[in-house]
N, C-alpha and C. Protein backbone atom coordinates (compact mmCIF):
# COMPACT_ATOMS: atom_id res chain seq x y z
N MET A 1 85.27 -114.45 113.44
CA MET A 1 85.06 -113.23 113.15
C MET A 1 84.22 -112.80 112.36
N SER A 2 83.92 -111.95 113.49
CA SER A 2 82.56 -110.42 113.26
C SER A 2 82.03 -110.18 112.00
N THR A 3 81.10 -109.85 111.34
CA THR A 3 80.87 -108.70 110.39
C THR A 3 80.54 -107.26 110.50
N ILE A 4 81.94 -106.72 109.69
CA ILE A 4 81.45 -105.25 109.26
C ILE A 4 80.26 -104.32 108.72
N LYS A 5 79.56 -103.90 109.59
CA LYS A 5 78.19 -103.44 108.93
C LYS A 5 78.44 -101.30 108.86
N PHE A 6 78.19 -101.37 107.35
CA PHE A 6 78.48 -99.69 107.07
C PHE A 6 77.11 -99.25 106.08
N ARG A 7 77.03 -97.84 106.12
CA ARG A 7 76.49 -97.62 105.09
C ARG A 7 76.65 -95.89 104.99
N ARG A 8 76.85 -95.70 104.01
CA ARG A 8 77.27 -94.69 103.37
C ARG A 8 76.14 -93.66 103.36
N ILE A 9 76.41 -92.53 104.31
CA ILE A 9 75.40 -91.24 104.69
C ILE A 9 75.38 -90.38 103.66
N THR A 10 76.46 -89.71 103.95
CA THR A 10 76.90 -88.40 102.87
C THR A 10 77.87 -88.61 102.26
N GLU A 11 77.98 -88.44 100.67
CA GLU A 11 78.90 -87.89 99.87
C GLU A 11 79.18 -87.05 99.98
N TYR A 12 80.57 -86.62 100.03
CA TYR A 12 80.94 -85.04 100.16
C TYR A 12 81.93 -85.26 98.68
N GLY A 13 82.66 -86.25 98.24
CA GLY A 13 83.05 -86.15 96.83
C GLY A 13 84.45 -86.66 96.63
N SER A 14 84.88 -86.64 95.52
CA SER A 14 85.97 -87.19 94.65
C SER A 14 86.89 -86.73 95.12
N LEU A 15 88.46 -87.22 95.54
CA LEU A 15 89.34 -86.31 95.76
C LEU A 15 90.28 -86.48 94.68
N SER A 16 89.76 -87.47 93.34
CA SER A 16 90.69 -87.62 92.07
C SER A 16 89.65 -87.85 91.18
N ALA A 17 89.98 -87.03 89.61
CA ALA A 17 89.21 -87.07 88.97
C ALA A 17 89.36 -88.70 87.98
N SER A 18 90.54 -89.29 88.37
CA SER A 18 90.86 -91.05 88.22
C SER A 18 90.62 -92.25 88.57
N GLY A 19 90.12 -92.92 87.76
CA GLY A 19 90.06 -94.43 88.21
C GLY A 19 89.45 -94.26 89.58
N LYS A 20 89.98 -95.19 89.87
CA LYS A 20 89.12 -95.60 91.55
C LYS A 20 89.79 -94.49 92.62
N ASN A 21 89.16 -93.48 92.57
CA ASN A 21 89.95 -92.52 93.10
C ASN A 21 89.05 -92.43 94.75
N PRO A 22 89.95 -92.06 95.67
CA PRO A 22 90.02 -91.79 96.88
C PRO A 22 88.24 -91.00 97.21
N GLN A 23 87.64 -91.37 97.73
CA GLN A 23 86.30 -90.33 98.36
C GLN A 23 85.54 -89.83 99.59
N PHE A 24 85.27 -89.13 100.04
CA PHE A 24 85.20 -88.40 101.26
C PHE A 24 83.97 -88.67 101.48
N ASN A 25 84.00 -89.02 102.53
CA ASN A 25 82.03 -89.75 102.61
C ASN A 25 82.24 -89.83 103.84
N LEU A 26 80.89 -89.40 104.82
CA LEU A 26 80.30 -89.96 105.91
C LEU A 26 79.69 -90.83 106.07
N VAL A 27 80.33 -91.89 107.07
CA VAL A 27 80.37 -93.66 106.96
C VAL A 27 79.69 -93.95 108.45
N ASP A 28 78.17 -94.65 107.99
CA ASP A 28 78.04 -95.26 109.42
C ASP A 28 79.19 -97.13 110.06
N TRP A 29 79.93 -96.95 110.32
CA TRP A 29 80.52 -98.36 110.51
C TRP A 29 79.48 -99.03 112.27
N ASN A 30 79.26 -99.84 111.80
CA ASN A 30 78.77 -100.60 113.18
C ASN A 30 78.37 -99.95 114.01
N GLY A 31 77.59 -98.40 113.57
CA GLY A 31 76.81 -97.95 114.36
C GLY A 31 77.07 -96.33 114.86
N TYR A 32 78.63 -96.64 114.10
CA TYR A 32 79.55 -94.89 114.60
C TYR A 32 79.86 -94.06 113.26
N GLU A 33 79.33 -92.82 113.28
CA GLU A 33 79.59 -92.42 112.23
C GLU A 33 80.56 -91.85 112.43
N LYS A 34 81.42 -91.58 110.99
CA LYS A 34 82.52 -91.61 110.90
C LYS A 34 82.97 -90.97 109.57
N TYR A 35 83.65 -89.73 109.28
CA TYR A 35 84.46 -89.29 108.19
C TYR A 35 85.54 -89.86 107.85
N ASP A 36 84.97 -90.27 106.29
CA ASP A 36 86.41 -91.66 105.88
C ASP A 36 86.88 -90.77 104.43
N ILE A 37 87.90 -91.49 104.26
CA ILE A 37 88.75 -91.57 102.68
C ILE A 37 88.76 -92.62 102.82
N ARG A 38 88.45 -93.31 101.28
CA ARG A 38 89.10 -94.40 100.92
C ARG A 38 88.29 -94.61 99.83
N ARG A 39 89.40 -95.48 98.95
CA ARG A 39 88.70 -95.86 97.48
C ARG A 39 87.62 -97.03 97.87
N TRP A 40 86.32 -97.33 97.10
CA TRP A 40 85.60 -98.28 96.69
C TRP A 40 85.32 -98.83 95.60
N ASP A 41 84.54 -100.00 95.65
CA ASP A 41 84.98 -101.01 94.26
C ASP A 41 84.21 -100.12 93.14
N ASP A 42 83.87 -100.75 92.37
CA ASP A 42 82.78 -100.16 90.80
C ASP A 42 81.38 -99.60 91.16
N THR A 43 80.87 -100.74 91.84
CA THR A 43 79.63 -99.94 92.73
C THR A 43 79.60 -99.73 93.87
N ASN A 44 80.14 -99.24 94.34
CA ASN A 44 80.44 -98.60 95.75
C ASN A 44 80.25 -99.30 96.96
N THR A 45 80.11 -100.52 96.93
CA THR A 45 79.51 -101.69 97.88
C THR A 45 80.56 -101.86 98.61
N GLN A 46 81.85 -101.89 98.21
CA GLN A 46 83.13 -102.65 98.73
C GLN A 46 84.00 -101.83 98.74
N PRO A 47 83.99 -101.27 100.59
CA PRO A 47 85.06 -100.80 100.79
C PRO A 47 86.51 -101.57 100.76
N TYR A 48 87.33 -100.42 100.26
CA TYR A 48 89.29 -100.94 100.10
C TYR A 48 89.74 -100.07 101.93
N LYS A 49 90.78 -100.33 101.65
CA LYS A 49 91.30 -99.89 102.67
C LYS A 49 91.37 -98.33 103.30
N GLY A 50 91.26 -97.42 103.93
CA GLY A 50 91.04 -96.31 104.21
C GLY A 50 91.77 -95.51 105.60
N ILE A 51 90.94 -94.09 105.62
CA ILE A 51 91.03 -93.80 107.20
C ILE A 51 89.98 -93.12 107.24
N THR A 52 89.25 -93.23 108.93
CA THR A 52 88.09 -92.74 109.73
C THR A 52 88.73 -91.50 110.28
N PHE A 53 87.98 -90.71 110.59
CA PHE A 53 87.80 -89.28 111.61
C PHE A 53 86.59 -89.32 111.94
N ASP A 54 87.05 -89.06 113.11
CA ASP A 54 85.74 -88.69 114.26
C ASP A 54 85.41 -87.12 114.03
N GLU A 55 84.61 -86.54 114.76
CA GLU A 55 84.53 -85.33 114.58
C GLU A 55 86.08 -84.05 114.92
N GLU A 56 86.16 -84.28 115.65
CA GLU A 56 87.50 -83.69 116.91
C GLU A 56 89.04 -84.06 115.63
N GLU A 57 88.77 -85.48 114.91
CA GLU A 57 90.24 -85.52 114.19
C GLU A 57 89.38 -84.87 113.41
N LEU A 58 88.64 -84.90 112.43
CA LEU A 58 88.16 -84.09 111.34
C LEU A 58 88.63 -82.69 111.60
N GLU A 59 88.15 -81.88 112.55
CA GLU A 59 88.44 -80.79 113.14
C GLU A 59 89.79 -79.71 112.80
N GLU A 60 90.65 -81.36 113.50
CA GLU A 60 92.34 -80.99 113.79
C GLU A 60 92.99 -80.98 112.07
N LEU A 61 92.45 -82.31 111.29
CA LEU A 61 92.58 -82.54 109.94
C LEU A 61 92.75 -80.81 109.16
N LEU A 62 91.66 -80.52 109.69
CA LEU A 62 90.86 -78.98 108.64
C LEU A 62 92.54 -77.80 108.94
N GLN A 63 92.30 -77.92 110.30
CA GLN A 63 93.70 -76.87 110.80
C GLN A 63 95.07 -77.32 110.22
N ALA A 64 95.38 -78.54 109.97
CA ALA A 64 96.37 -79.09 109.87
C ALA A 64 96.80 -78.39 108.17
N LEU A 65 95.22 -78.74 107.45
CA LEU A 65 95.46 -78.42 105.76
C LEU A 65 95.61 -77.32 105.84
N LYS A 66 94.50 -76.12 106.30
CA LYS A 66 94.88 -74.83 106.47
C LYS A 66 96.16 -74.28 106.29
N ILE A 67 97.16 -75.23 107.48
CA ILE A 67 98.26 -74.42 107.59
C ILE A 67 99.06 -75.20 106.33
N ALA A 68 98.88 -75.92 105.57
CA ALA A 68 99.79 -76.85 104.78
C ALA A 68 99.83 -75.76 103.45
N VAL A 69 97.93 -75.42 103.10
CA VAL A 69 97.61 -74.63 101.89
C VAL A 69 98.41 -73.43 102.28
N ALA A 70 98.15 -72.69 103.47
CA ALA A 70 99.13 -71.33 103.65
C ALA A 70 100.68 -71.40 103.81
N ASN A 71 101.42 -72.01 103.77
CA ASN A 71 102.76 -72.68 103.59
C ASN A 71 102.91 -72.91 102.02
N SER A 72 102.18 -73.80 101.69
CA SER A 72 101.85 -73.94 100.33
C SER A 72 101.87 -72.70 99.32
N LEU A 73 101.04 -71.76 99.52
CA LEU A 73 100.93 -70.15 99.05
C LEU A 73 102.43 -69.48 99.24
N LYS A 74 102.57 -69.46 100.42
CA LYS A 74 103.92 -68.46 100.53
C LYS A 74 105.21 -69.16 99.54
N TYR A 75 104.90 -70.04 99.59
CA TYR A 75 106.13 -70.84 98.41
C TYR A 75 105.94 -70.44 97.20
N THR A 76 104.79 -70.50 96.80
CA THR A 76 104.69 -70.49 95.29
C THR A 76 104.69 -68.78 95.18
N LEU A 77 104.29 -67.97 95.83
CA LEU A 77 104.45 -66.46 96.13
C LEU A 77 105.36 -66.58 95.94
N TYR A 78 106.59 -67.10 96.60
CA TYR A 78 108.09 -66.40 96.79
C TYR A 78 108.38 -66.61 95.88
N TYR A 79 108.34 -67.44 95.03
CA TYR A 79 108.49 -68.07 93.82
C TYR A 79 108.69 -67.43 92.75
N LEU A 80 107.17 -66.94 92.48
CA LEU A 80 106.97 -65.88 91.97
C LEU A 80 107.46 -64.42 91.49
N ASP A 81 107.36 -63.78 93.00
CA ASP A 81 107.79 -62.93 93.32
C ASP A 81 109.17 -62.61 92.81
N SER A 82 110.32 -63.85 92.75
CA SER A 82 111.93 -63.49 92.73
C SER A 82 112.37 -63.78 91.32
N GLU A 83 111.15 -63.94 90.45
CA GLU A 83 112.04 -64.61 88.87
C GLU A 83 111.35 -62.93 88.56
């Protein structure tokens, strides 16, 4: 079984304020830089299960999130207007 080498390059932030919250980072995984959302142990040295994105996938995710947020705001505004 081969060893996975990783190094967190940039820490963009946590996605929750509670406990072992998911973090959004740029991580070098065996020589490949990937954007990464996952939980880490208390010392930030042991990764748990997560998901990685290359730049193209991250751009697609951003577009999908923009649509989701816009739809959520439309839904919220619709119900605020109907009250």
